[in-house]
Full PDB file with SEQRES, HELIX, SHEET, SSBOND, CRYST1, ORIGX, SCALE, CONECT and MASTER records, all heavy atoms in Angstrom:
SEQRES   1 A   33  ILE SER ALA LEU GLY LEU TYR ASP ALA GLU LEU ASN GLY          
SEQRES   2 A   33  LYS ALA ALA HIS GLU ASP THR PHE ALA PRO GLY TRP THR          
SEQRES   3 A   33  ASP TYR ARG LYS ARG VAL GLN                                  
SHEET    1 AA1 2 GLU A  10  LEU A  11  0                                        
SHEET    2 AA1 2 LYS A  14  ALA A  15 -1                                        
CRYST1    1.000    1.000    1.000  90.00  90.00  90.00 P 1           1          
ORIGX1      1.000000  0.000000  0.000000        0.00000                         
ORIGX2      0.000000  1.000000  0.000000        0.00000                         
ORIGX3      0.000000  0.000000  1.000000        0.00000                         
SCALE1      1.000000  0.000000  0.000000        0.00000                         
SCALE2      0.000000  1.000000  0.000000        0.00000                         
SCALE3      0.000000  0.000000  1.000000        0.00000                         
ATOM      1  N   ILE A   1       4.703   7.777   6.675  1.00  0.00           N  
ATOM      2  CA  ILE A   1       3.404   8.229   7.305  1.00  0.00           C  
ATOM      3  C   ILE A   1       2.300   7.131   7.366  1.00  0.00           C  
ATOM      4  O   ILE A   1       2.281   6.246   6.544  1.00  0.00           O  
ATOM      5  CB  ILE A   1       2.836   9.496   6.455  1.00  0.00           C  
ATOM      6  CG1 ILE A   1       1.580  10.061   7.181  1.00  0.00           C  
ATOM      7  CG2 ILE A   1       2.528   9.027   5.020  1.00  0.00           C  
ATOM      8  CD1 ILE A   1       1.187  11.394   6.597  1.00  0.00           C  
ATOM      9  N   SER A   2       1.727   7.245   8.551  1.00  0.00           N  
ATOM     10  CA  SER A   2       0.617   6.272   8.841  1.00  0.00           C  
ATOM     11  C   SER A   2      -0.538   6.991   9.515  1.00  0.00           C  
ATOM     12  O   SER A   2      -0.312   8.086   9.979  1.00  0.00           O  
ATOM     13  CB  SER A   2       1.098   5.103   9.686  1.00  0.00           C  
ATOM     14  OG  SER A   2       0.073   4.177   9.858  1.00  0.00           O  
ATOM     15  N   ALA A   3      -1.638   6.350   9.584  1.00  0.00           N  
ATOM     16  CA  ALA A   3      -2.721   7.034  10.356  1.00  0.00           C  
ATOM     17  C   ALA A   3      -3.727   5.845  10.846  1.00  0.00           C  
ATOM     18  O   ALA A   3      -3.853   4.885  10.209  1.00  0.00           O  
ATOM     19  CB  ALA A   3      -3.539   7.961   9.436  1.00  0.00           C  
ATOM     20  N   LEU A   4      -4.219   6.139  12.031  1.00  0.00           N  
ATOM     21  CA  LEU A   4      -5.451   5.396  12.429  1.00  0.00           C  
ATOM     22  C   LEU A   4      -6.558   6.304  11.887  1.00  0.00           C  
ATOM     23  O   LEU A   4      -7.040   7.127  12.530  1.00  0.00           O  
ATOM     24  CB  LEU A   4      -5.424   5.190  13.917  1.00  0.00           C  
ATOM     25  CG  LEU A   4      -4.290   4.389  14.493  1.00  0.00           C  
ATOM     26  CD1 LEU A   4      -4.193   4.472  15.982  1.00  0.00           C  
ATOM     27  CD2 LEU A   4      -4.327   3.020  14.060  1.00  0.00           C  
ATOM     28  N   GLY A   5      -7.094   5.853  10.701  1.00  0.00           N  
ATOM     29  CA  GLY A   5      -8.055   6.632   9.949  1.00  0.00           C  
ATOM     30  C   GLY A   5      -7.510   6.860   8.587  1.00  0.00           C  
ATOM     31  O   GLY A   5      -6.763   5.861   8.128  1.00  0.00           O  
ATOM     32  N   LEU A   6      -7.569   7.937   7.925  1.00  0.00           N  
ATOM     33  CA  LEU A   6      -7.055   8.302   6.632  1.00  0.00           C  
ATOM     34  C   LEU A   6      -6.289   9.544   6.823  1.00  0.00           C  
ATOM     35  O   LEU A   6      -6.532  10.370   7.469  1.00  0.00           O  
ATOM     36  CB  LEU A   6      -8.199   8.457   5.611  1.00  0.00           C  
ATOM     37  CG  LEU A   6      -9.243   7.280   5.587  1.00  0.00           C  
ATOM     38  CD1 LEU A   6     -10.396   7.759   4.715  1.00  0.00           C  
ATOM     39  CD2 LEU A   6      -8.658   6.081   5.089  1.00  0.00           C  
ATOM     40  N   TYR A   7      -5.259   9.689   5.865  1.00  0.00           N  
ATOM     41  CA  TYR A   7      -4.413  10.796   5.957  1.00  0.00           C  
ATOM     42  C   TYR A   7      -4.317  11.436   4.500  1.00  0.00           C  
ATOM     43  O   TYR A   7      -4.498  10.701   3.483  1.00  0.00           O  
ATOM     44  CB  TYR A   7      -2.983  10.456   6.417  1.00  0.00           C  
ATOM     45  CG  TYR A   7      -2.157   9.544   5.491  1.00  0.00           C  
ATOM     46  CD1 TYR A   7      -1.612  10.033   4.396  1.00  0.00           C  
ATOM     47  CD2 TYR A   7      -1.924   8.381   5.945  1.00  0.00           C  
ATOM     48  CE1 TYR A   7      -0.805   9.100   3.547  1.00  0.00           C  
ATOM     49  CE2 TYR A   7      -1.116   7.424   5.186  1.00  0.00           C  
ATOM     50  CZ  TYR A   7      -0.589   7.838   3.959  1.00  0.00           C  
ATOM     51  OH  TYR A   7       0.152   7.032   3.122  1.00  0.00           O  
ATOM     52  N   ASP A   8      -4.057  12.687   4.513  1.00  0.00           N  
ATOM     53  CA  ASP A   8      -3.826  13.327   3.152  1.00  0.00           C  
ATOM     54  C   ASP A   8      -2.743  14.477   3.485  1.00  0.00           C  
ATOM     55  O   ASP A   8      -2.938  15.307   4.294  1.00  0.00           O  
ATOM     56  CB  ASP A   8      -5.088  14.016   2.589  1.00  0.00           C  
ATOM     57  CG  ASP A   8      -4.984  14.376   1.089  1.00  0.00           C  
ATOM     58  OD1 ASP A   8      -3.950  14.076   0.591  1.00  0.00           O  
ATOM     59  OD2 ASP A   8      -5.975  14.759   0.540  1.00  0.00           O  
ATOM     60  N   ALA A   9      -1.577  14.239   2.977  1.00  0.00           N  
ATOM     61  CA  ALA A   9      -0.355  14.982   3.388  1.00  0.00           C  
ATOM     62  C   ALA A   9       0.022  16.126   2.326  1.00  0.00           C  
ATOM     63  O   ALA A   9      -0.125  15.833   1.033  1.00  0.00           O  
ATOM     64  CB  ALA A   9       0.821  14.158   3.694  1.00  0.00           C  
ATOM     65  N   GLU A  10       0.575  17.212   2.814  1.00  0.00           N  
ATOM     66  CA  GLU A  10       0.998  18.277   1.865  1.00  0.00           C  
ATOM     67  C   GLU A  10       2.388  18.742   2.416  1.00  0.00           C  
ATOM     68  O   GLU A  10       2.672  18.818   3.531  1.00  0.00           O  
ATOM     69  CB  GLU A  10      -0.002  19.538   1.894  1.00  0.00           C  
ATOM     70  CG  GLU A  10      -1.375  19.046   1.447  1.00  0.00           C  
ATOM     71  CD  GLU A  10      -2.320  20.270   1.443  1.00  0.00           C  
ATOM     72  OE1 GLU A  10      -1.824  21.399   1.693  1.00  0.00           O  
ATOM     73  OE2 GLU A  10      -3.611  20.067   1.318  1.00  0.00           O  
ATOM     74  N   LEU A  11       3.210  19.281   1.499  1.00  0.00           N  
ATOM     75  CA  LEU A  11       4.522  19.914   1.836  1.00  0.00           C  
ATOM     76  C   LEU A  11       4.448  21.229   1.103  1.00  0.00           C  
ATOM     77  O   LEU A  11       4.355  21.380  -0.117  1.00  0.00           O  
ATOM     78  CB  LEU A  11       5.666  19.009   1.323  1.00  0.00           C  
ATOM     79  CG  LEU A  11       6.306  17.967   2.191  1.00  0.00           C  
ATOM     80  CD1 LEU A  11       6.797  18.724   3.563  1.00  0.00           C  
ATOM     81  CD2 LEU A  11       5.333  16.935   2.482  1.00  0.00           C  
ATOM     82  N   ASN A  12       4.577  22.222   1.894  1.00  0.00           N  
ATOM     83  CA  ASN A  12       4.629  23.587   1.320  1.00  0.00           C  
ATOM     84  C   ASN A  12       3.441  23.900   0.371  1.00  0.00           C  
ATOM     85  O   ASN A  12       3.812  24.599  -0.726  1.00  0.00           O  
ATOM     86  CB  ASN A  12       6.013  23.914   0.677  1.00  0.00           C  
ATOM     87  CG  ASN A  12       7.119  23.942   1.633  1.00  0.00           C  
ATOM     88  OD1 ASN A  12       6.922  24.207   2.815  1.00  0.00           O  
ATOM     89  ND2 ASN A  12       8.346  23.509   1.154  1.00  0.00           N  
ATOM     90  N   GLY A  13       2.413  23.441   0.675  1.00  0.00           N  
ATOM     91  CA  GLY A  13       1.056  23.821   0.029  1.00  0.00           C  
ATOM     92  C   GLY A  13       0.958  22.878  -1.200  1.00  0.00           C  
ATOM     93  O   GLY A  13      -0.004  23.048  -2.011  1.00  0.00           O  
ATOM     94  N   LYS A  14       1.773  21.897  -1.539  1.00  0.00           N  
ATOM     95  CA  LYS A  14       1.536  20.941  -2.533  1.00  0.00           C  
ATOM     96  C   LYS A  14       1.399  19.503  -2.062  1.00  0.00           C  
ATOM     97  O   LYS A  14       1.874  19.107  -1.003  1.00  0.00           O  
ATOM     98  CB  LYS A  14       2.778  20.991  -3.531  1.00  0.00           C  
ATOM     99  CG  LYS A  14       3.022  22.446  -4.088  1.00  0.00           C  
ATOM    100  CD  LYS A  14       4.284  22.370  -5.084  1.00  0.00           C  
ATOM    101  CE  LYS A  14       4.423  23.778  -5.564  1.00  0.00           C  
ATOM    102  NZ  LYS A  14       5.607  23.820  -6.571  1.00  0.00           N  
ATOM    103  N   ALA A  15       0.534  18.798  -2.784  1.00  0.00           N  
ATOM    104  CA  ALA A  15       0.234  17.438  -2.421  1.00  0.00           C  
ATOM    105  C   ALA A  15       1.561  16.576  -2.430  1.00  0.00           C  
ATOM    106  O   ALA A  15       2.369  16.591  -3.246  1.00  0.00           O  
ATOM    107  CB  ALA A  15      -0.739  16.741  -3.458  1.00  0.00           C  
ATOM    108  N   ALA A  16       1.669  15.801  -1.251  1.00  0.00           N  
ATOM    109  CA  ALA A  16       2.842  14.921  -1.157  1.00  0.00           C  
ATOM    110  C   ALA A  16       2.618  13.578  -1.736  1.00  0.00           C  
ATOM    111  O   ALA A  16       3.663  12.785  -1.826  1.00  0.00           O  
ATOM    112  CB  ALA A  16       3.114  14.694   0.406  1.00  0.00           C  
ATOM    113  N   HIS A  17       1.410  13.251  -2.240  1.00  0.00           N  
ATOM    114  CA  HIS A  17       1.175  11.955  -2.858  1.00  0.00           C  
ATOM    115  C   HIS A  17       0.040  11.979  -3.685  1.00  0.00           C  
ATOM    116  O   HIS A  17      -0.827  12.944  -3.539  1.00  0.00           O  
ATOM    117  CB  HIS A  17       1.046  10.867  -1.742  1.00  0.00           C  
ATOM    118  CG  HIS A  17       0.064  11.214  -0.751  1.00  0.00           C  
ATOM    119  ND1 HIS A  17      -1.222  10.953  -0.830  1.00  0.00           N  
ATOM    120  CD2 HIS A  17       0.137  11.854   0.429  1.00  0.00           C  
ATOM    121  CE1 HIS A  17      -1.889  11.323   0.187  1.00  0.00           C  
ATOM    122  NE2 HIS A  17      -1.134  11.851   1.133  1.00  0.00           N  
ATOM    123  N   GLU A  18      -0.313  10.982  -4.425  1.00  0.00           N  
ATOM    124  CA  GLU A  18      -1.454  10.846  -5.219  1.00  0.00           C  
ATOM    125  C   GLU A  18      -2.530   9.817  -4.695  1.00  0.00           C  
ATOM    126  O   GLU A  18      -3.557   9.709  -5.150  1.00  0.00           O  
ATOM    127  CB  GLU A  18      -1.149  10.357  -6.706  1.00  0.00           C  
ATOM    128  CG  GLU A  18      -0.354  11.378  -7.456  1.00  0.00           C  
ATOM    129  CD  GLU A  18       0.007  10.889  -8.842  1.00  0.00           C  
ATOM    130  OE1 GLU A  18      -0.394   9.676  -9.263  1.00  0.00           O  
ATOM    131  OE2 GLU A  18       0.646  11.652  -9.510  1.00  0.00           O  
ATOM    132  N   ASP A  19      -2.132   9.336  -3.546  1.00  0.00           N  
ATOM    133  CA  ASP A  19      -2.925   8.214  -2.912  1.00  0.00           C  
ATOM    134  C   ASP A  19      -4.268   8.844  -2.327  1.00  0.00           C  
ATOM    135  O   ASP A  19      -4.219   9.920  -1.804  1.00  0.00           O  
ATOM    136  CB  ASP A  19      -2.250   7.448  -1.731  1.00  0.00           C  
ATOM    137  CG  ASP A  19      -0.963   6.811  -2.325  1.00  0.00           C  
ATOM    138  OD1 ASP A  19      -0.717   6.871  -3.497  1.00  0.00           O  
ATOM    139  OD2 ASP A  19      -0.059   6.280  -1.414  1.00  0.00           O  
ATOM    140  N   THR A  20      -5.250   7.977  -2.213  1.00  0.00           N  
ATOM    141  CA  THR A  20      -6.447   8.399  -1.583  1.00  0.00           C  
ATOM    142  C   THR A  20      -6.916   7.175  -0.492  1.00  0.00           C  
ATOM    143  O   THR A  20      -6.488   6.049  -0.888  1.00  0.00           O  
ATOM    144  CB  THR A  20      -7.550   8.788  -2.554  1.00  0.00           C  
ATOM    145  OG1 THR A  20      -8.743   9.298  -1.726  1.00  0.00           O  
ATOM    146  CG2 THR A  20      -8.042   7.608  -3.424  1.00  0.00           C  
ATOM    147  N   PHE A  21      -7.525   7.488   0.428  1.00  0.00           N  
ATOM    148  CA  PHE A  21      -7.916   6.537   1.519  1.00  0.00           C  
ATOM    149  C   PHE A  21      -6.744   5.783   2.114  1.00  0.00           C  
ATOM    150  O   PHE A  21      -6.834   4.584   2.425  1.00  0.00           O  
ATOM    151  CB  PHE A  21      -9.002   5.484   0.884  1.00  0.00           C  
ATOM    152  CG  PHE A  21     -10.147   6.102   0.316  1.00  0.00           C  
ATOM    153  CD1 PHE A  21     -10.564   5.831  -0.982  1.00  0.00           C  
ATOM    154  CD2 PHE A  21     -10.825   7.224   0.887  1.00  0.00           C  
ATOM    155  CE1 PHE A  21     -11.674   6.502  -1.621  1.00  0.00           C  
ATOM    156  CE2 PHE A  21     -11.925   7.830   0.283  1.00  0.00           C  
ATOM    157  CZ  PHE A  21     -12.364   7.542  -1.032  1.00  0.00           C  
ATOM    158  N   ALA A  22      -5.537   6.345   2.032  1.00  0.00           N  
ATOM    159  CA  ALA A  22      -4.373   5.766   2.669  1.00  0.00           C  
ATOM    160  C   ALA A  22      -4.428   5.909   4.237  1.00  0.00           C  
ATOM    161  O   ALA A  22      -4.988   6.953   4.671  1.00  0.00           O  
ATOM    162  CB  ALA A  22      -3.187   6.449   2.054  1.00  0.00           C  
ATOM    163  N   PRO A  23      -3.884   4.894   4.947  1.00  0.00           N  
ATOM    164  CA  PRO A  23      -3.121   3.795   4.382  1.00  0.00           C  
ATOM    165  C   PRO A  23      -3.837   2.627   4.175  1.00  0.00           C  
ATOM    166  O   PRO A  23      -3.255   1.566   3.820  1.00  0.00           O  
ATOM    167  CB  PRO A  23      -2.167   3.628   5.669  1.00  0.00           C  
ATOM    168  CG  PRO A  23      -3.003   3.965   6.764  1.00  0.00           C  
ATOM    169  CD  PRO A  23      -3.816   5.095   6.337  1.00  0.00           C  
ATOM    170  N   GLY A  24      -5.167   2.588   4.211  1.00  0.00           N  
ATOM    171  CA  GLY A  24      -6.044   1.436   3.960  1.00  0.00           C  
ATOM    172  C   GLY A  24      -6.526   0.893   5.235  1.00  0.00           C  
ATOM    173  O   GLY A  24      -6.262   1.273   6.346  1.00  0.00           O  
ATOM    174  N   TRP A  25      -7.488  -0.052   5.088  1.00  0.00           N  
ATOM    175  CA  TRP A  25      -8.122  -0.651   6.333  1.00  0.00           C  
ATOM    176  C   TRP A  25      -7.571  -1.967   6.656  1.00  0.00           C  
ATOM    177  O   TRP A  25      -7.052  -2.791   5.904  1.00  0.00           O  
ATOM    178  CB  TRP A  25      -9.610  -1.030   5.748  1.00  0.00           C  
ATOM    179  CG  TRP A  25     -10.506  -1.644   6.819  1.00  0.00           C  
ATOM    180  CD1 TRP A  25     -10.273  -1.476   8.216  1.00  0.00           C  
ATOM    181  CD2 TRP A  25     -11.836  -2.258   6.801  1.00  0.00           C  
ATOM    182  NE1 TRP A  25     -11.342  -2.158   8.938  1.00  0.00           N  
ATOM    183  CE2 TRP A  25     -12.286  -2.545   8.018  1.00  0.00           C  
ATOM    184  CE3 TRP A  25     -12.586  -2.496   5.602  1.00  0.00           C  
ATOM    185  CZ2 TRP A  25     -13.454  -3.173   8.258  1.00  0.00           C  
ATOM    186  CZ3 TRP A  25     -13.839  -3.157   5.873  1.00  0.00           C  
ATOM    187  CH2 TRP A  25     -14.225  -3.549   7.135  1.00  0.00           C  
ATOM    188  N   THR A  26      -7.126  -1.995   7.963  1.00  0.00           N  
ATOM    189  CA  THR A  26      -6.619  -3.202   8.627  1.00  0.00           C  
ATOM    190  C   THR A  26      -7.400  -3.472   9.892  1.00  0.00           C  
ATOM    191  O   THR A  26      -8.276  -2.649  10.257  1.00  0.00           O  
ATOM    192  CB  THR A  26      -5.114  -3.050   8.965  1.00  0.00           C  
ATOM    193  OG1 THR A  26      -4.979  -1.797   9.659  1.00  0.00           O  
ATOM    194  CG2 THR A  26      -4.305  -3.042   7.747  1.00  0.00           C  
ATOM    195  N   ASP A  27      -7.165  -4.654  10.533  1.00  0.00           N  
ATOM    196  CA  ASP A  27      -7.716  -4.733  11.847  1.00  0.00           C  
ATOM    197  C   ASP A  27      -6.776  -3.984  12.807  1.00  0.00           C  
ATOM    198  O   ASP A  27      -5.755  -4.519  13.128  1.00  0.00           O  
ATOM    199  CB  ASP A  27      -7.794  -6.336  12.255  1.00  0.00           C  
ATOM    200  CG  ASP A  27      -8.335  -6.543  13.648  1.00  0.00           C  
ATOM    201  OD1 ASP A  27      -8.560  -5.582  14.371  1.00  0.00           O  
ATOM    202  OD2 ASP A  27      -8.758  -7.779  13.808  1.00  0.00           O  
ATOM    203  N   TYR A  28      -7.239  -2.773  13.082  1.00  0.00           N  
ATOM    204  CA  TYR A  28      -6.367  -1.908  13.926  1.00  0.00           C  
ATOM    205  C   TYR A  28      -6.018  -2.378  15.289  1.00  0.00           C  
ATOM    206  O   TYR A  28      -5.211  -1.771  15.885  1.00  0.00           O  
ATOM    207  CB  TYR A  28      -6.976  -0.594  13.925  1.00  0.00           C  
ATOM    208  CG  TYR A  28      -7.373   0.077  12.687  1.00  0.00           C  
ATOM    209  CD1 TYR A  28      -8.658   0.185  12.155  1.00  0.00           C  
ATOM    210  CD2 TYR A  28      -6.351   0.630  11.888  1.00  0.00           C  
ATOM    211  CE1 TYR A  28      -8.922   0.750  10.991  1.00  0.00           C  
ATOM    212  CE2 TYR A  28      -6.624   1.222  10.679  1.00  0.00           C  
ATOM    213  CZ  TYR A  28      -7.898   1.235  10.257  1.00  0.00           C  
ATOM    214  OH  TYR A  28      -8.207   1.784   9.023  1.00  0.00           O  
ATOM    215  N   ARG A  29      -6.763  -3.448  15.731  1.00  0.00           N  
ATOM    216  CA  ARG A  29      -6.293  -4.019  17.028  1.00  0.00           C  
ATOM    217  C   ARG A  29      -5.044  -4.811  16.915  1.00  0.00           C  
ATOM    218  O   ARG A  29      -4.369  -5.094  17.953  1.00  0.00           O  
ATOM    219  CB  ARG A  29      -7.521  -4.986  17.584  1.00  0.00           C  
ATOM    220  CG  ARG A  29      -8.714  -4.154  17.796  1.00  0.00           C  
ATOM    221  CD  ARG A  29      -9.926  -5.094  18.050  1.00  0.00           C  
ATOM    222  NE  ARG A  29     -10.239  -5.779  16.740  1.00  0.00           N  
ATOM    223  CZ  ARG A  29     -11.340  -6.371  16.430  1.00  0.00           C  
ATOM    224  NH1 ARG A  29     -12.355  -6.437  17.416  1.00  0.00           N  
ATOM    225  NH2 ARG A  29     -11.621  -6.818  15.339  1.00  0.00           N  
ATOM    226  N   LYS A  30      -4.649  -5.201  15.759  1.00  0.00           N  
ATOM    227  CA  LYS A  30      -3.367  -5.927  15.500  1.00  0.00           C  
ATOM    228  C   LYS A  30      -2.386  -5.264  14.660  1.00  0.00           C  
ATOM    229  O   LYS A  30      -1.207  -5.321  14.916  1.00  0.00           O  
ATOM    230  CB  LYS A  30      -3.781  -7.179  14.730  1.00  0.00           C  
ATOM    231  CG  LYS A  30      -4.821  -8.151  15.470  1.00  0.00           C  
ATOM    232  CD  LYS A  30      -5.097  -9.280  14.691  1.00  0.00           C  
ATOM    233  CE  LYS A  30      -6.104 -10.253  15.450  1.00  0.00           C  
ATOM    234  NZ  LYS A  30      -6.492 -11.465  14.624  1.00  0.00           N  
ATOM    235  N   ARG A  31      -2.833  -4.408  13.602  1.00  0.00           N  
ATOM    236  CA  ARG A  31      -1.850  -3.927  12.701  1.00  0.00           C  
ATOM    237  C   ARG A  31      -2.361  -2.581  12.050  1.00  0.00           C  
ATOM    238  O   ARG A  31      -3.546  -2.526  11.817  1.00  0.00           O  
ATOM    239  CB  ARG A  31      -1.560  -4.956  11.654  1.00  0.00           C  
ATOM    240  CG  ARG A  31      -0.491  -4.620  10.605  1.00  0.00           C  
ATOM    241  CD  ARG A  31      -0.334  -5.740   9.573  1.00  0.00           C  
ATOM    242  NE  ARG A  31      -0.030  -7.021  10.332  1.00  0.00           N  
ATOM    243  CZ  ARG A  31       1.084  -7.424  10.732  1.00  0.00           C  
ATOM    244  NH1 ARG A  31       2.091  -6.716  10.522  1.00  0.00           N  
ATOM    245  NH2 ARG A  31       1.219  -8.639  11.428  1.00  0.00           N  
ATOM    246  N   VAL A  32      -1.421  -1.788  11.671  1.00  0.00           N  
ATOM    247  CA  VAL A  32      -1.678  -0.639  10.788  1.00  0.00           C  
ATOM    248  C   VAL A  32      -0.630  -0.495   9.779  1.00  0.00           C  
ATOM    249  O   VAL A  32       0.592  -0.831  10.059  1.00  0.00           O  
ATOM    250  CB  VAL A  32      -1.818   0.700  11.726  1.00  0.00           C  
ATOM    251  CG1 VAL A  32      -0.528   1.029  12.351  1.00  0.00           C  
ATOM    252  CG2 VAL A  32      -2.456   1.889  10.818  1.00  0.00           C  
ATOM    253  N   GLN A  33      -0.825   0.040   8.587  1.00  0.00           N  
ATOM    254  CA  GLN A  33       0.098   0.078   7.546  1.00  0.00           C  
ATOM    255  C   GLN A  33       0.619   1.609   7.442  1.00  0.00           C  
ATOM    256  O   GLN A  33       0.070   2.561   8.016  1.00  0.00           O  
ATOM    257  CB  GLN A  33      -0.627  -0.254   6.224  1.00  0.00           C  
ATOM    258  CG  GLN A  33      -1.112  -1.570   6.203  1.00  0.00           C  
ATOM    259  CD  GLN A  33      -1.951  -1.941   4.870  1.00  0.00           C  
ATOM    260  OE1 GLN A  33      -2.172  -1.054   4.194  1.00  0.00           O  
ATOM    261  NE2 GLN A  33      -2.261  -3.177   4.705  1.00  0.00           N  
TER     262      GLN A  33                                                      
MASTER        0    0    0    0    2    0    0    6  261    1    0    3          
END                                                                             
């Protein structure tokens, strides 16, 4: 999963990850994580 912005994902009502502010800041004109 990636986002231009930030994502928070769930599967069947449960958190899919513990990360916050994912995927992080990059120069979106060149790259996204």
